[in-house]
Protein backbone atom coordinates (compact mmCIF):
# COMPACT_ATOMS: atom_id res chain seq x y z
CA UNK A 1 198.08 164.53 125.90
CA UNK A 2 194.64 165.13 124.55
CA UNK A 3 191.79 163.27 126.09
CA UNK A 4 190.46 160.26 124.12
CA UNK A 5 186.98 160.58 125.59
CA UNK A 6 185.48 162.49 122.58
CA UNK A 7 186.79 159.80 120.25
CA UNK A 8 185.28 157.00 122.34
CA UNK A 9 181.93 158.80 122.42
CA UNK A 10 182.02 159.25 118.65
CA UNK A 11 182.83 155.58 118.03
CA UNK A 12 180.02 154.46 120.32
CA UNK A 13 177.64 156.77 118.50
CA UNK A 14 178.71 155.46 115.09
CA UNK A 15 178.39 151.84 116.17
CA UNK A 16 175.01 152.61 117.65
CA UNK A 17 173.85 154.11 114.38
CA UNK A 18 175.00 151.08 112.45
CA UNK A 19 178.05 152.66 110.80
CA UNK A 20 180.19 149.59 111.56
CA UNK A 21 177.42 146.93 111.49
CA UNK A 22 178.29 143.89 109.34
CA UNK A 23 175.95 143.16 106.44
CA UNK A 24 173.34 140.42 106.87
CA UNK A 25 174.07 137.10 105.11
CA UNK A 26 172.24 136.58 101.85
CA UNK A 27 168.93 134.64 102.05
CA UNK A 28 169.21 130.90 101.47
CA UNK A 29 166.11 130.95 99.29
CA UNK A 30 163.95 133.66 97.77
CA UNK A 31 161.08 134.81 99.92
CA UNK A 32 158.63 134.11 97.12
CA UNK A 33 159.38 130.40 97.48
CA UNK A 34 157.44 130.25 100.74
CA UNK A 35 153.89 129.10 100.26
CA UNK A 36 151.13 131.25 101.80
CA UNK A 37 149.51 129.98 104.96
CA UNK A 38 146.54 127.75 104.21
CA UNK A 39 143.16 129.33 104.69
CA UNK A 40 141.13 128.30 107.70
CA UNK A 41 138.85 125.36 107.04
CA UNK A 42 135.17 126.23 106.74
CA UNK A 43 133.12 125.91 109.89
CA UNK A 44 131.49 122.53 110.10
CA UNK A 45 127.72 122.43 109.82
CA UNK A 46 127.59 118.88 111.12
CA UNK A 47 125.90 118.48 114.50
CA UNK A 48 128.18 118.07 117.50
CA UNK A 49 128.50 114.54 118.82
CA UNK A 50 129.44 113.33 122.26
CA UNK A 51 131.68 110.28 122.52
CA UNK A 52 131.78 108.99 126.07
CA UNK A 53 134.92 107.22 127.28
CA UNK A 54 134.45 103.49 127.54
CA UNK A 55 133.59 102.42 131.09
CA UNK A 56 133.68 98.78 132.21
CA UNK A 57 131.91 97.64 135.37
CA UNK A 58 131.97 94.75 137.83
CA UNK A 59 130.85 94.05 141.39
CA UNK A 60 133.20 92.68 144.04
CA UNK A 61 132.01 89.78 146.23
CA UNK A 62 131.76 92.16 149.21
CA UNK A 63 129.20 94.26 147.32
CA UNK A 64 131.28 97.21 146.06
CA UNK A 65 130.25 98.28 142.55
CA UNK A 66 133.30 99.30 140.49
CA UNK A 67 133.54 101.28 137.23
CA UNK A 68 136.87 101.48 135.38
CA UNK A 69 137.83 103.92 132.63
CA UNK A 70 141.21 103.17 131.05
CA UNK A 71 143.17 106.15 129.69
CA UNK A 72 146.63 104.76 128.80
CA UNK A 73 148.03 108.07 127.52
CA UNK A 74 146.81 110.29 130.37
CA UNK A 75 149.20 111.57 133.03
CA UNK A 76 146.52 112.30 135.61
CA UNK A 77 143.84 109.92 136.77
CA UNK A 78 141.23 109.96 139.46
CA UNK A 79 139.54 107.84 142.10
CA UNK A 80 136.04 108.56 143.39
CA UNK A 81 133.68 106.83 145.80
CA UNK A 82 130.00 107.22 146.62
CA UNK A 83 128.78 105.93 149.98
CA UNK A 84 125.00 105.70 149.79
CA UNK A 85 124.11 103.96 153.05
CA UNK A 86 122.85 107.29 154.41
CA UNK A 87 122.59 110.91 153.36
CA UNK A 88 122.24 114.45 154.56
CA UNK A 89 118.73 114.95 155.88
CA UNK A 90 117.91 111.28 156.48
CA UNK A 91 117.01 111.89 160.11
CA UNK A 92 120.50 111.79 161.63
CA UNK A 93 122.01 114.79 163.36
CA UNK A 94 123.44 117.20 160.81
CA UNK A 95 126.15 118.18 163.30
CA UNK A 96 127.44 114.58 163.25
CA UNK A 97 127.74 114.77 159.47
CA UNK A 98 129.65 118.07 159.65
CA UNK A 99 132.28 116.46 161.86
CA UNK A 100 132.34 113.20 159.87
CA UNK A 101 133.08 115.03 156.60
CA UNK A 102 136.00 116.89 158.21
CA UNK A 103 137.39 113.67 159.68
CA UNK A 104 137.18 111.89 156.31
CA UNK A 105 138.97 114.74 154.54
CA UNK A 106 141.88 114.39 156.92
CA UNK A 107 141.93 110.58 156.85
CA UNK A 108 141.67 110.20 153.06
CA UNK A 109 143.41 113.40 151.91
CA UNK A 110 140.55 113.87 149.46
CA UNK A 111 137.63 116.17 148.69
CA UNK A 112 134.51 115.09 150.59
CA UNK A 113 130.94 116.21 149.83
CA UNK A 114 127.62 115.15 151.30
CA UNK A 115 124.09 115.72 150.00
CA UNK A 116 120.74 113.97 149.79
CA UNK A 117 122.28 110.98 147.99
CA UNK A 118 125.20 110.16 150.28
CA UNK A 119 128.88 110.99 150.77
CA UNK A 120 131.09 111.60 147.72
CA UNK A 121 134.88 111.20 147.86
CA UNK A 122 137.06 112.62 145.05
CA UNK A 123 140.82 112.42 144.63
CA UNK A 124 143.02 113.26 141.63
CA UNK A 125 146.06 111.01 141.26
CA UNK A 126 148.84 110.17 138.84
CA UNK A 127 147.37 107.77 136.30
CA UNK A 128 149.96 105.12 137.18
CA UNK A 129 149.03 105.32 140.88
CA UNK A 130 145.27 104.98 140.69
CA UNK A 131 145.18 101.28 141.65
CA UNK A 132 147.24 101.94 144.77
CA UNK A 133 145.04 104.90 145.70
CA UNK A 134 141.82 102.93 145.12
CA UNK A 135 142.99 100.07 147.34
CA UNK A 136 144.08 102.45 150.11
CA UNK A 137 140.79 104.33 149.93
CA UNK A 138 138.47 101.33 150.23
CA UNK A 139 140.62 99.85 153.03
CA UNK A 140 140.59 103.15 154.92
CA UNK A 141 136.81 103.42 154.60
CA UNK A 142 136.39 99.83 155.75
CA UNK A 143 138.71 100.09 158.76
CA UNK A 144 138.25 103.70 159.88
CA UNK A 145 137.13 104.32 163.45
CA UNK A 146 137.78 107.76 164.88
CA UNK A 147 138.74 108.35 168.51
CA UNK A 148 137.58 110.96 171.00
CA UNK A 149 140.65 113.14 170.51
CA UNK A 150 140.16 113.37 166.73
CA UNK A 151 136.49 114.28 167.10
CA UNK A 152 137.24 116.88 169.76
CA UNK A 153 139.91 118.48 167.56
CA UNK A 154 137.44 118.92 164.69
CA UNK A 155 134.73 120.30 166.96
CA UNK A 156 137.17 122.83 168.45
CA UNK A 157 138.46 123.92 165.02
CA UNK A 158 134.94 124.37 163.67
CA UNK A 159 133.89 126.34 166.74
CA UNK A 160 136.91 128.67 166.48
CA UNK A 161 136.20 129.16 162.80
CA UNK A 162 132.71 130.34 163.71
CA UNK A 163 134.09 132.88 166.19
CA UNK A 164 136.52 134.50 163.72
CA UNK A 165 134.14 134.43 160.78
CA UNK A 166 135.20 136.83 158.04
CA UNK A 167 132.70 138.95 156.10
CA UNK A 168 129.79 138.08 158.41
CA UNK A 169 127.29 139.89 156.16
CA UNK A 170 128.19 137.55 153.28
CA UNK A 171 127.79 134.45 155.43
CA UNK A 172 124.56 135.74 156.96
CA UNK A 173 123.05 136.55 153.57
CA UNK A 174 124.08 133.16 152.17
CA UNK A 175 122.45 131.39 155.12
CA UNK A 176 119.31 133.51 154.70
CA UNK A 177 119.25 132.62 151.02
CA UNK A 178 119.30 128.88 151.71
CA UNK A 179 116.72 129.22 154.46
CA UNK A 180 114.30 131.02 152.18
CA UNK A 181 114.73 128.51 149.36
CA UNK A 182 114.45 125.28 151.36
CA UNK A 183 112.71 126.36 154.57
CA UNK A 184 114.39 126.97 157.96
CA UNK A 185 114.27 123.33 159.16
CA UNK A 186 115.90 121.76 156.09
CA UNK A 187 119.15 119.83 156.70
CA UNK A 188 120.99 121.93 154.09
CA UNK A 189 120.11 125.04 156.05
CA UNK A 190 121.22 123.56 159.37
CA UNK A 191 124.51 122.48 157.73
CA UNK A 192 125.28 126.08 156.76
CA UNK A 193 124.02 127.68 159.97
CA UNK A 194 126.98 129.61 161.47
CA UNK A 195 125.37 129.17 164.93
CA UNK A 196 125.03 125.39 164.85
CA UNK A 197 126.11 123.68 168.08
CA UNK A 198 128.75 121.03 167.48
CA UNK A 199 129.02 120.36 171.20
CA UNK A 200 126.23 117.78 170.81
CA UNK A 201 128.42 115.54 168.62
CA UNK A 202 129.31 112.13 170.09
CA UNK A 203 132.20 109.97 168.85
CA UNK A 204 130.17 106.74 168.99
CA UNK A 205 127.46 108.24 166.76
CA UNK A 206 130.01 109.53 164.26
CA UNK A 207 131.61 106.08 163.94
CA UNK A 208 128.21 104.39 163.63
CA UNK A 209 127.29 106.88 160.93
CA UNK A 210 130.51 106.13 159.01
CA UNK A 211 129.93 102.38 159.20
CA UNK A 212 126.37 102.76 157.95
CA UNK A 213 127.04 105.10 155.03
CA UNK A 214 130.33 103.58 153.86
CA UNK A 215 129.67 99.85 154.30
CA UNK A 216 130.91 97.86 151.25
CA UNK A 217 127.45 97.01 149.82
CA UNK A 218 126.66 100.74 149.72
CA UNK A 219 129.91 101.78 147.97
CA UNK A 220 130.30 102.68 144.31
CA UNK A 221 133.93 103.09 143.22
CA UNK A 222 135.22 104.75 140.04
CA UNK A 223 138.85 104.35 138.90
CA UNK A 224 140.06 106.44 135.96
CA UNK A 225 143.68 105.70 135.17
CA UNK A 226 146.28 103.87 133.11
CA UNK A 227 145.29 100.30 134.00
CA UNK A 228 143.05 97.78 132.28
CA UNK A 229 139.97 96.58 134.11
CA UNK A 230 141.47 93.14 134.80
CA UNK A 231 144.37 94.66 136.77
CA UNK A 232 142.05 96.86 138.82
CA UNK A 233 139.75 93.95 139.53
CA UNK A 234 142.60 91.67 140.64
CA UNK A 235 144.02 94.32 143.00
CA UNK A 236 140.65 95.05 144.60
CA UNK A 237 139.77 91.36 144.94
CA UNK A 238 143.04 90.77 146.77
CA UNK A 239 142.40 93.71 149.12
CA UNK A 240 138.80 92.77 149.98
CA UNK A 241 138.89 88.97 149.94
CA UNK A 242 138.23 88.68 153.70
CA UNK A 243 135.30 91.11 153.79
CA UNK A 244 132.58 88.51 153.24
CA UNK A 245 129.94 88.49 150.52
CA UNK A 246 126.97 90.75 149.91
CA UNK A 247 124.85 92.06 147.08
CA UNK A 248 125.35 95.65 146.01
CA UNK A 249 122.64 97.94 147.39
CA UNK A 250 121.37 100.18 144.61
CA UNK A 251 121.49 103.85 145.78
CA UNK A 252 118.07 105.14 146.70
CA UNK A 253 116.70 108.07 144.76
CA UNK A 254 116.88 111.31 146.70
CA UNK A 255 113.66 113.25 147.14
CA UNK A 256 113.52 116.75 145.76
CA UNK A 257 112.76 119.44 148.35
CA UNK A 258 109.69 121.63 148.27
CA UNK A 259 110.66 125.19 147.40
CA UNK A 260 108.35 127.56 149.32
CA UNK A 261 107.64 130.97 147.77
CA UNK A 262 109.87 133.71 149.14
CA UNK A 263 107.86 136.55 150.65
CA UNK A 264 109.17 139.18 150.56
CA UNK A 265 111.11 138.15 147.49
CA UNK A 266 114.22 140.31 148.07
CA UNK A 267 116.14 140.97 151.31
CA UNK A 268 118.75 143.74 151.62
CA UNK A 269 121.99 143.46 153.63
CA UNK A 270 124.47 146.20 154.51
CA UNK A 271 128.21 145.80 153.93
CA UNK A 272 131.36 147.93 153.89
CA UNK A 273 132.17 147.63 150.18
CA UNK A 274 131.71 150.20 147.46
CA UNK A 275 130.37 147.59 145.05
CA UNK A 276 126.98 146.01 145.63
CA UNK A 277 125.83 142.53 144.67
CA UNK A 278 122.58 140.86 143.67
CA UNK A 279 122.20 137.11 144.03
CA UNK A 280 119.36 134.76 143.18
CA UNK A 281 118.90 131.14 144.19
CA UNK A 282 116.21 128.96 142.61
CA UNK A 283 115.29 125.28 142.42
CA UNK A 284 115.26 123.35 139.16
CA UNK A 285 114.60 119.92 137.62
CA UNK A 286 116.65 116.78 138.27
CA UNK A 287 119.72 116.19 136.09
CA UNK A 288 118.12 113.70 133.73
CA UNK A 289 114.52 114.94 133.84
CA UNK A 290 112.87 115.47 130.41
CA UNK A 291 112.95 119.28 130.71
CA UNK A 292 116.44 119.56 132.19
CA UNK A 293 118.07 120.12 128.78
CA UNK A 294 115.87 123.15 128.03
CA UNK A 295 116.40 124.41 131.58
CA UNK A 296 120.18 124.39 131.05
CA UNK A 297 119.80 126.52 127.92
CA UNK A 298 117.54 128.96 129.82
CA UNK A 299 120.22 129.38 132.50
CA UNK A 300 122.78 130.16 129.79
CA UNK A 301 120.52 132.95 128.55
CA UNK A 302 120.12 134.35 132.08
CA UNK A 303 123.85 134.68 132.78
CA UNK A 304 125.64 131.51 131.81
CA UNK A 305 127.37 133.05 128.80
CA UNK A 306 129.21 136.27 128.05
CA UNK A 307 126.48 137.58 125.72
CA UNK A 308 123.65 137.16 128.23
CA UNK A 309 121.50 140.27 128.51
CA UNK A 310 122.41 141.23 132.12
CA UNK A 311 126.11 140.97 131.29
CA UNK A 312 125.76 142.78 127.95
CA UNK A 313 123.84 145.69 129.48
CA UNK A 314 125.58 146.27 132.81
CA UNK A 315 129.13 145.27 131.88
CA UNK A 316 129.56 145.94 128.17
CA UNK A 317 127.18 148.84 127.53
CA UNK A 318 127.02 150.71 130.81
CA UNK A 319 130.38 149.68 132.37
CA UNK A 320 128.70 149.49 135.78
CA UNK A 321 129.37 145.86 136.66
CA UNK A 322 132.19 143.35 136.80
CA UNK A 323 129.78 140.94 135.13
CA UNK A 324 126.82 138.64 135.63
CA UNK A 325 127.08 134.91 136.13
CA UNK A 326 124.56 132.07 136.28
CA UNK A 327 125.28 128.40 136.86
CA UNK A 328 123.58 125.13 137.77
CA UNK A 329 124.47 122.86 140.67
CA UNK A 330 123.22 119.31 140.13
CA UNK A 331 121.91 117.92 143.40
CA UNK A 332 120.11 114.74 144.40
CA UNK A 333 116.74 114.60 142.64
CA UNK A 334 116.82 118.30 141.72
CA UNK A 335 119.16 121.12 140.69
CA UNK A 336 119.75 124.69 141.82
CA UNK A 337 120.23 127.85 139.79
CA UNK A 338 122.67 130.42 141.13
CA UNK A 339 122.77 133.94 139.68
CA UNK A 340 125.10 136.69 140.85
CA UNK A 341 125.95 140.15 139.55
CA UNK A 342 128.11 142.88 141.10
CA UNK A 343 127.20 146.52 140.40
CA UNK A 344 127.83 149.94 141.85
CA UNK A 345 125.67 150.67 144.87
CA UNK A 346 123.74 153.39 143.07
CA UNK A 347 122.81 150.91 140.34
CA UNK A 348 121.36 148.22 142.61
CA UNK A 349 117.76 149.23 141.96
CA UNK A 350 118.25 149.17 138.17
CA UNK A 351 120.07 145.84 138.37
CA UNK A 352 117.32 144.28 140.50
CA UNK A 353 114.69 145.47 138.06
CA UNK A 354 116.70 144.14 135.10
CA UNK A 355 117.10 140.73 136.76
CA UNK A 356 113.41 140.26 137.52
CA UNK A 357 112.49 141.48 134.02
CA UNK A 358 114.87 138.90 132.51
CA UNK A 359 113.36 136.15 134.67
CA UNK A 360 109.97 137.06 133.26
CA UNK A 361 111.21 137.38 129.66
CA UNK A 362 112.60 133.86 129.61
CA UNK A 363 109.09 132.49 130.08
CA UNK A 364 107.65 134.27 127.02
CA UNK A 365 108.55 132.59 123.75
CA UNK A 366 107.79 135.72 121.71
CA UNK A 367 110.55 137.56 123.65
CA UNK A 368 113.20 135.02 122.70
CA UNK A 369 114.95 135.01 119.33
CA UNK A 370 116.46 132.07 117.50
CA UNK A 371 119.99 133.46 117.38
CA UNK A 372 120.37 133.82 121.16
CA UNK A 373 118.87 130.37 121.77
CA UNK A 374 121.20 128.87 119.14
CA UNK A 375 124.20 130.52 120.81
CA UNK A 376 123.16 129.37 124.28
CA UNK A 377 122.54 125.84 123.04
CA UNK A 378 125.98 125.67 121.35
CA UNK A 379 127.74 126.91 124.49
CA UNK A 380 125.89 124.37 126.62
CA UNK A 381 126.83 121.55 124.23
CA UNK A 382 130.48 122.58 124.38
CA UNK A 383 130.31 122.64 128.18
CA UNK A 384 128.82 119.14 128.24
CA UNK A 385 131.67 117.87 126.06
CA UNK A 386 134.25 119.59 128.28
CA UNK A 387 132.82 117.78 131.33
CA UNK A 388 134.58 114.59 130.18
CA UNK A 389 138.00 116.08 129.40
CA UNK A 390 139.52 115.31 132.80
CA UNK A 391 139.71 112.17 134.89
CA UNK A 392 138.01 113.96 137.77
CA UNK A 393 135.17 115.08 135.49
CA UNK A 394 134.65 111.53 134.22
CA UNK A 395 134.66 110.06 137.73
CA UNK A 396 132.24 112.67 139.05
CA UNK A 397 129.89 112.16 136.10
CA UNK A 398 129.75 108.39 136.54
CA UNK A 399 129.03 108.66 140.26
CA UNK A 400 126.40 111.33 139.66
CA UNK A 401 124.61 109.14 137.10
CA UNK A 402 124.67 106.12 139.40
CA UNK A 403 123.38 108.19 142.32
CA UNK A 404 120.48 109.31 140.14
CA UNK A 405 119.67 105.73 139.15
CA UNK A 406 121.02 106.23 135.62
CA UNK A 407 123.59 104.47 133.48
CA UNK A 408 126.69 106.08 131.98
CA UNK A 409 124.89 106.45 128.63
CA UNK A 410 122.38 108.90 130.15
CA UNK A 411 124.78 111.75 129.35
CA UNK A 412 124.69 110.91 125.64
CA UNK A 413 120.90 111.01 125.73
CA UNK A 414 120.95 114.36 127.52
CA UNK A 415 123.43 115.73 124.99
CA UNK A 416 121.07 114.81 122.15
CA UNK A 417 118.17 116.39 124.03
CA UNK A 418 120.11 119.68 124.32
CA UNK A 419 120.65 119.65 120.55
CA UNK A 420 116.89 119.53 120.01
CA UNK A 421 116.01 122.40 122.38
CA UNK A 422 113.84 125.12 120.79
CA UNK A 423 112.60 128.52 121.88
CA UNK A 424 109.33 126.96 122.96
CA UNK A 425 111.17 124.41 125.11
CA UNK A 426 113.16 127.16 126.83
CA UNK A 427 110.06 129.20 127.57
CA UNK A 428 108.18 126.19 128.99
CA UNK A 429 111.13 125.20 131.20
CA UNK A 430 111.49 128.79 132.45
CA UNK A 431 107.77 129.05 133.22
CA UNK A 432 107.92 125.74 135.08
CA UNK A 433 111.01 126.33 137.19
CA UNK A 434 111.97 130.02 137.32
CA UNK A 435 109.64 132.12 139.48
CA UNK A 436 109.94 135.86 138.64
CA UNK A 437 108.01 136.91 141.78
CA UNK A 438 108.81 134.10 144.24
CA UNK A 439 112.48 133.16 143.72
CA UNK A 440 114.52 134.38 146.73
CA UNK A 441 116.88 137.27 145.97
CA UNK A 442 119.59 138.76 148.19
CA UNK A 443 120.81 142.36 147.72
CA UNK A 444 124.08 143.41 149.38
CA UNK A 445 125.05 147.08 149.37
CA UNK A 446 127.08 149.61 151.34
CA UNK A 447 125.46 149.93 154.75
CA UNK A 448 124.54 153.62 154.75
CA UNK A 449 123.35 153.60 151.15
CA UNK A 450 121.17 150.50 151.36
CA UNK A 451 119.61 151.58 154.66
CA UNK A 452 118.45 154.88 153.15
CA UNK A 453 117.21 153.62 149.78
CA UNK A 454 114.09 151.61 149.20
CA UNK A 455 114.47 149.04 146.44
CA UNK A 456 111.63 147.31 144.63
CA UNK A 457 111.00 143.72 143.54
CA UNK A 458 107.85 142.10 142.11
CA UNK A 459 107.50 139.92 145.21
CA UNK A 460 108.39 142.66 147.71
CA UNK A 461 111.57 143.94 149.33
CA UNK A 462 112.68 144.61 152.89
CA UNK A 463 115.90 145.38 154.73
CA UNK A 464 117.33 142.63 156.91
CA UNK A 465 116.90 143.20 160.62
């Protein structure tokens, strides 16, 4: 009997070529019957507008100020609290605050931050669960008293973390950066000091600190969720009815620090990586100051957008960087500008020169063109609108405004101010706040390379000892 294998191979080949493929069914309608896709609508020339979510406010008899934003269709909500009965740098031991923040994170299962305005608590939650979370949070803050064992556990964990610190050159340079911006004795510097001594912390002081900062008259609560204000108010009244009565204490305005000039301006640190990094830290105006809008646009030009000059030159043209980035942190009574750019080690000198040149350019109106300012302004407006997309963003914004002594509508006023920013405004803000020769700069490069190359900066450069 002859083998059937050649026949099978031939049939497979024919089927594979489509010899036995069935014809496609006829079309149900002629292709010409489909209408072409509509053309894209023309770009709107109308100015962007910011519509803030509606926030309703009331004060509980115990003194807690409450703000409610109802979002009935949202799946995720948020609860946030500001305790303003004390703040970082108000004379208390910074080490006590380090431990207190860790203890609160564990007790509340939330994000905890502290600055010159007080302690901020943030927690995302299902929109239908925000009332329950808000009640639990204020009760926990009211009743919390930590014991010796809990405090000791945090101190031990923080101490062990210091011993096994990863990338010590990064941590050391970051600490040096803060020290040179604020001064070595500033509370923010002590907070970030990897050699701080937590052994001095006492449980009684930590509990007294908690009671002072988070007492009901010093609390501001924000609830963003699915419930109407009346439901939130009823639930909180029921939970706090036995707490007595008190007037709400308006948060005090935080004082802006004095930014001493950095001399030498740039400090070099050795690392083990093949890519170097340049970072700048600079102080800026308060969030709702008259020149803050123009300052935000200036930061976009420095590195807060993809088309910024440092990014365009070192990433897009020369392919020598992963990119440049600049951003603003809004603090109590002031703001900070962070700039960072990674480059190859052999390009660190060029990158440092380009950064300081850009800092200087921003302060000269004749060096700015309308198109780049228009682009930066549009990106900043879009970012401001995006701030209020999430429940967490809304809650943070309300607390930030209240901590700065502002109402919720202050963001609408700032949005309009950004729309009016001109080249002249950007140059004036840059001249006022961005110091081309005095702003502290950190340079991190491969150890052997950076120790054998002398870099240059307008305000001087030296290698870290």
